[in-house]
N, C-alpha and C. Protein backbone atom coordinates (compact mmCIF):
# COMPACT_ATOMS: atom_id res chain seq x y z
N MET A 1 -8.09 -28.92 10.37
CA MET A 1 -9.00 -27.80 10.17
C MET A 1 -8.61 -27.05 8.91
N SER A 2 -9.56 -26.33 8.40
CA SER A 2 -9.26 -25.49 7.24
C SER A 2 -9.40 -24.03 7.62
N LEU A 3 -8.78 -23.19 6.83
CA LEU A 3 -8.79 -21.75 7.08
C LEU A 3 -10.14 -21.17 6.72
N THR A 4 -10.71 -20.43 7.64
CA THR A 4 -12.00 -19.76 7.41
C THR A 4 -11.86 -18.27 7.73
N PHE A 5 -12.83 -17.51 7.25
CA PHE A 5 -12.84 -16.07 7.47
C PHE A 5 -14.21 -15.66 8.01
N PRO A 6 -14.51 -16.07 9.26
CA PRO A 6 -15.83 -15.78 9.82
C PRO A 6 -16.04 -14.30 10.14
N ASN A 7 -14.98 -13.59 10.41
CA ASN A 7 -15.06 -12.17 10.72
C ASN A 7 -14.61 -11.40 9.48
N ARG A 8 -15.52 -10.76 8.80
CA ARG A 8 -15.22 -10.09 7.53
C ARG A 8 -14.65 -8.68 7.73
N SER A 9 -14.25 -8.33 8.94
CA SER A 9 -13.69 -7.00 9.15
C SER A 9 -12.31 -6.90 8.52
N ARG A 10 -11.95 -5.70 8.12
CA ARG A 10 -10.65 -5.41 7.55
C ARG A 10 -10.33 -3.98 7.87
N SER A 11 -9.05 -3.63 7.84
CA SER A 11 -8.64 -2.26 8.14
C SER A 11 -7.48 -1.88 7.25
N TYR A 12 -7.34 -0.58 7.05
CA TYR A 12 -6.27 -0.07 6.20
C TYR A 12 -5.10 0.36 7.07
N ASP A 13 -3.93 -0.13 6.76
CA ASP A 13 -2.69 0.24 7.43
C ASP A 13 -1.99 1.26 6.54
N GLU A 14 -2.15 2.54 6.86
CA GLU A 14 -1.59 3.59 6.01
C GLU A 14 -0.07 3.54 5.94
N ALA A 15 0.58 3.27 7.05
CA ALA A 15 2.04 3.22 7.07
C ALA A 15 2.57 2.12 6.16
N GLY A 16 1.92 0.97 6.17
CA GLY A 16 2.37 -0.16 5.35
C GLY A 16 1.70 -0.22 3.99
N LYS A 17 0.72 0.66 3.76
CA LYS A 17 -0.05 0.66 2.49
C LYS A 17 -0.63 -0.72 2.23
N ARG A 18 -1.30 -1.26 3.27
CA ARG A 18 -1.88 -2.60 3.19
C ARG A 18 -3.26 -2.65 3.83
N ILE A 19 -4.01 -3.63 3.42
CA ILE A 19 -5.29 -3.94 4.05
C ILE A 19 -5.03 -5.15 4.95
N ARG A 20 -5.40 -5.04 6.21
CA ARG A 20 -5.21 -6.13 7.16
C ARG A 20 -6.53 -6.86 7.39
N PHE A 21 -6.44 -8.19 7.51
CA PHE A 21 -7.61 -9.01 7.82
C PHE A 21 -7.13 -10.28 8.49
N VAL A 22 -8.03 -11.02 9.09
CA VAL A 22 -7.63 -12.25 9.80
C VAL A 22 -8.46 -13.43 9.33
N GLY A 23 -7.83 -14.59 9.44
CA GLY A 23 -8.49 -15.86 9.19
C GLY A 23 -8.34 -16.72 10.44
N HIS A 24 -9.07 -17.82 10.47
CA HIS A 24 -9.01 -18.71 11.62
C HIS A 24 -8.87 -20.15 11.16
N ASP A 25 -7.97 -20.85 11.81
CA ASP A 25 -7.80 -22.29 11.62
C ASP A 25 -8.08 -22.90 12.98
N GLY A 26 -9.32 -23.31 13.18
CA GLY A 26 -9.71 -23.77 14.50
C GLY A 26 -9.62 -22.62 15.48
N MET A 27 -8.88 -22.80 16.54
CA MET A 27 -8.75 -21.74 17.54
C MET A 27 -7.58 -20.79 17.25
N PHE A 28 -6.84 -21.04 16.19
CA PHE A 28 -5.69 -20.21 15.85
C PHE A 28 -6.08 -19.07 14.92
N GLN A 29 -5.64 -17.87 15.25
CA GLN A 29 -5.88 -16.70 14.41
C GLN A 29 -4.67 -16.48 13.51
N ILE A 30 -4.90 -16.31 12.23
CA ILE A 30 -3.85 -16.11 11.24
C ILE A 30 -4.02 -14.69 10.69
N SER A 31 -2.95 -13.90 10.77
CA SER A 31 -2.99 -12.50 10.31
C SER A 31 -2.55 -12.41 8.86
N PHE A 32 -3.31 -11.65 8.10
CA PHE A 32 -3.01 -11.42 6.70
C PHE A 32 -2.98 -9.93 6.41
N SER A 33 -2.15 -9.55 5.46
CA SER A 33 -2.15 -8.21 4.89
C SER A 33 -2.06 -8.39 3.39
N VAL A 34 -2.76 -7.54 2.67
CA VAL A 34 -2.65 -7.54 1.22
C VAL A 34 -2.20 -6.14 0.81
N ALA A 35 -1.15 -6.08 0.02
CA ALA A 35 -0.62 -4.79 -0.44
C ALA A 35 -1.71 -4.06 -1.21
N ALA A 36 -1.92 -2.81 -0.89
CA ALA A 36 -2.97 -2.03 -1.54
C ALA A 36 -2.79 -1.98 -3.05
N ASP A 37 -1.56 -1.89 -3.51
CA ASP A 37 -1.34 -1.81 -4.95
C ASP A 37 -1.60 -3.14 -5.67
N ALA A 38 -1.78 -4.21 -4.91
CA ALA A 38 -2.11 -5.50 -5.52
C ALA A 38 -3.58 -5.58 -5.90
N ILE A 39 -4.41 -4.74 -5.28
CA ILE A 39 -5.84 -4.82 -5.55
C ILE A 39 -6.44 -3.53 -6.10
N SER A 40 -5.64 -2.45 -6.14
CA SER A 40 -6.16 -1.17 -6.62
C SER A 40 -5.05 -0.35 -7.25
N LYS A 41 -5.42 0.41 -8.25
CA LYS A 41 -4.45 1.29 -8.92
C LYS A 41 -4.52 2.72 -8.39
N ALA A 42 -5.32 2.97 -7.36
CA ALA A 42 -5.44 4.32 -6.80
C ALA A 42 -4.11 4.75 -6.20
N PRO A 43 -3.72 6.00 -6.41
CA PRO A 43 -2.46 6.49 -5.82
C PRO A 43 -2.59 6.60 -4.30
N PRO A 44 -1.59 6.15 -3.55
CA PRO A 44 -1.68 6.15 -2.09
C PRO A 44 -1.80 7.55 -1.48
N GLU A 45 -1.41 8.58 -2.21
CA GLU A 45 -1.49 9.93 -1.67
C GLU A 45 -2.86 10.58 -1.90
N ALA A 46 -3.74 9.90 -2.60
CA ALA A 46 -5.08 10.43 -2.86
C ALA A 46 -5.84 10.58 -1.55
N PRO A 47 -6.65 11.65 -1.41
CA PRO A 47 -7.37 11.85 -0.15
C PRO A 47 -8.39 10.75 0.15
N THR A 48 -8.83 10.04 -0.86
CA THR A 48 -9.80 8.96 -0.65
C THR A 48 -9.17 7.57 -0.76
N ALA A 49 -7.85 7.49 -0.63
CA ALA A 49 -7.15 6.22 -0.82
C ALA A 49 -7.68 5.13 0.10
N GLU A 50 -7.87 5.43 1.38
CA GLU A 50 -8.34 4.40 2.31
C GLU A 50 -9.69 3.84 1.87
N ALA A 51 -10.64 4.69 1.58
CA ALA A 51 -11.97 4.23 1.16
C ALA A 51 -11.88 3.45 -0.15
N THR A 52 -11.04 3.91 -1.07
CA THR A 52 -10.87 3.24 -2.35
C THR A 52 -10.28 1.84 -2.16
N TYR A 53 -9.26 1.73 -1.32
CA TYR A 53 -8.62 0.44 -1.07
C TYR A 53 -9.58 -0.53 -0.36
N LEU A 54 -10.32 -0.04 0.62
CA LEU A 54 -11.27 -0.90 1.33
C LEU A 54 -12.37 -1.38 0.39
N ALA A 55 -12.84 -0.50 -0.49
CA ALA A 55 -13.86 -0.89 -1.46
C ALA A 55 -13.31 -1.93 -2.43
N ALA A 56 -12.06 -1.75 -2.86
CA ALA A 56 -11.43 -2.72 -3.76
C ALA A 56 -11.29 -4.07 -3.06
N PHE A 57 -10.94 -4.06 -1.78
CA PHE A 57 -10.85 -5.30 -1.01
C PHE A 57 -12.21 -5.98 -0.96
N ASP A 58 -13.25 -5.22 -0.65
CA ASP A 58 -14.58 -5.79 -0.55
C ASP A 58 -15.02 -6.41 -1.88
N THR A 59 -14.72 -5.74 -2.98
CA THR A 59 -15.09 -6.24 -4.30
C THR A 59 -14.38 -7.56 -4.61
N ALA A 60 -13.13 -7.65 -4.23
CA ALA A 60 -12.31 -8.82 -4.56
C ALA A 60 -12.17 -9.79 -3.39
N SER A 61 -12.96 -9.64 -2.35
CA SER A 61 -12.75 -10.42 -1.13
C SER A 61 -12.77 -11.93 -1.36
N ASN A 62 -13.66 -12.44 -2.18
CA ASN A 62 -13.68 -13.89 -2.39
C ASN A 62 -12.38 -14.40 -2.98
N SER A 63 -11.84 -13.70 -3.98
CA SER A 63 -10.57 -14.15 -4.56
C SER A 63 -9.40 -13.91 -3.59
N ILE A 64 -9.46 -12.84 -2.81
CA ILE A 64 -8.41 -12.58 -1.81
C ILE A 64 -8.41 -13.70 -0.78
N TYR A 65 -9.58 -14.10 -0.31
CA TYR A 65 -9.65 -15.19 0.68
C TYR A 65 -9.15 -16.50 0.08
N GLU A 66 -9.44 -16.75 -1.17
CA GLU A 66 -8.95 -17.97 -1.82
C GLU A 66 -7.43 -17.95 -1.94
N ILE A 67 -6.87 -16.83 -2.31
CA ILE A 67 -5.41 -16.69 -2.40
C ILE A 67 -4.79 -16.86 -1.02
N ALA A 68 -5.43 -16.31 0.00
CA ALA A 68 -4.94 -16.46 1.38
C ALA A 68 -4.98 -17.94 1.80
N ARG A 69 -6.06 -18.63 1.45
CA ARG A 69 -6.16 -20.07 1.77
C ARG A 69 -5.03 -20.86 1.10
N ASN A 70 -4.76 -20.54 -0.16
CA ASN A 70 -3.69 -21.23 -0.90
C ASN A 70 -2.33 -20.97 -0.26
N ALA A 71 -2.07 -19.73 0.12
CA ALA A 71 -0.80 -19.39 0.77
C ALA A 71 -0.67 -20.15 2.09
N TYR A 72 -1.74 -20.20 2.85
CA TYR A 72 -1.73 -20.89 4.14
C TYR A 72 -1.55 -22.40 3.95
N ALA A 73 -2.14 -22.94 2.93
CA ALA A 73 -2.02 -24.38 2.67
C ALA A 73 -0.59 -24.78 2.32
N ARG A 74 0.13 -23.88 1.66
CA ARG A 74 1.53 -24.16 1.29
C ARG A 74 2.45 -24.13 2.50
N THR A 75 2.33 -23.11 3.32
CA THR A 75 3.19 -22.95 4.49
C THR A 75 2.35 -22.43 5.64
N ARG A 76 2.13 -23.21 6.61
CA ARG A 76 1.26 -22.80 7.72
C ARG A 76 2.03 -21.91 8.68
N LYS A 77 1.91 -20.60 8.43
CA LYS A 77 2.52 -19.60 9.30
C LYS A 77 1.40 -18.82 9.99
N SER A 78 1.76 -17.92 10.88
CA SER A 78 0.74 -17.13 11.57
C SER A 78 0.57 -15.73 10.99
N ILE A 79 1.49 -15.32 10.10
CA ILE A 79 1.43 -13.98 9.49
C ILE A 79 1.79 -14.10 8.02
N TYR A 80 0.98 -13.45 7.17
CA TYR A 80 1.22 -13.44 5.73
C TYR A 80 1.06 -12.02 5.19
N VAL A 81 1.89 -11.69 4.22
CA VAL A 81 1.74 -10.45 3.46
C VAL A 81 1.58 -10.85 2.00
N LEU A 82 0.39 -10.62 1.46
CA LEU A 82 0.10 -10.96 0.07
C LEU A 82 0.44 -9.76 -0.81
N THR A 83 1.12 -10.03 -1.92
CA THR A 83 1.53 -8.97 -2.83
C THR A 83 0.93 -9.22 -4.22
N ALA A 84 1.21 -8.33 -5.13
CA ALA A 84 0.71 -8.47 -6.51
C ALA A 84 1.14 -9.82 -7.10
N ALA A 85 2.30 -10.31 -6.76
CA ALA A 85 2.78 -11.60 -7.28
C ALA A 85 1.84 -12.74 -6.91
N ASP A 86 1.17 -12.65 -5.77
CA ASP A 86 0.24 -13.70 -5.34
C ASP A 86 -1.04 -13.71 -6.16
N PHE A 87 -1.32 -12.62 -6.87
CA PHE A 87 -2.55 -12.48 -7.62
C PHE A 87 -2.40 -12.82 -9.10
N ARG A 88 -1.27 -13.37 -9.49
CA ARG A 88 -1.04 -13.73 -10.90
C ARG A 88 -1.43 -15.15 -11.16
């Protein structure tokens, strides 16, 4: 099976400063987080940081999903944290 993202929901984890989303490989759910600073330059203390980060995720979602697929293809784990290094 290949990794798919049928559920386009995502959420902001303020404590971890990350956007969380999930992928599916058949019946297996794979958890992903992308560091907010990897997709946006907005300061985390800004009052609109959550909305800004979620909008940045939505704008870059196709490339984020592709990077997530590549990470999963290299090492099939159940949890991934994508950082700025993954976007180079």
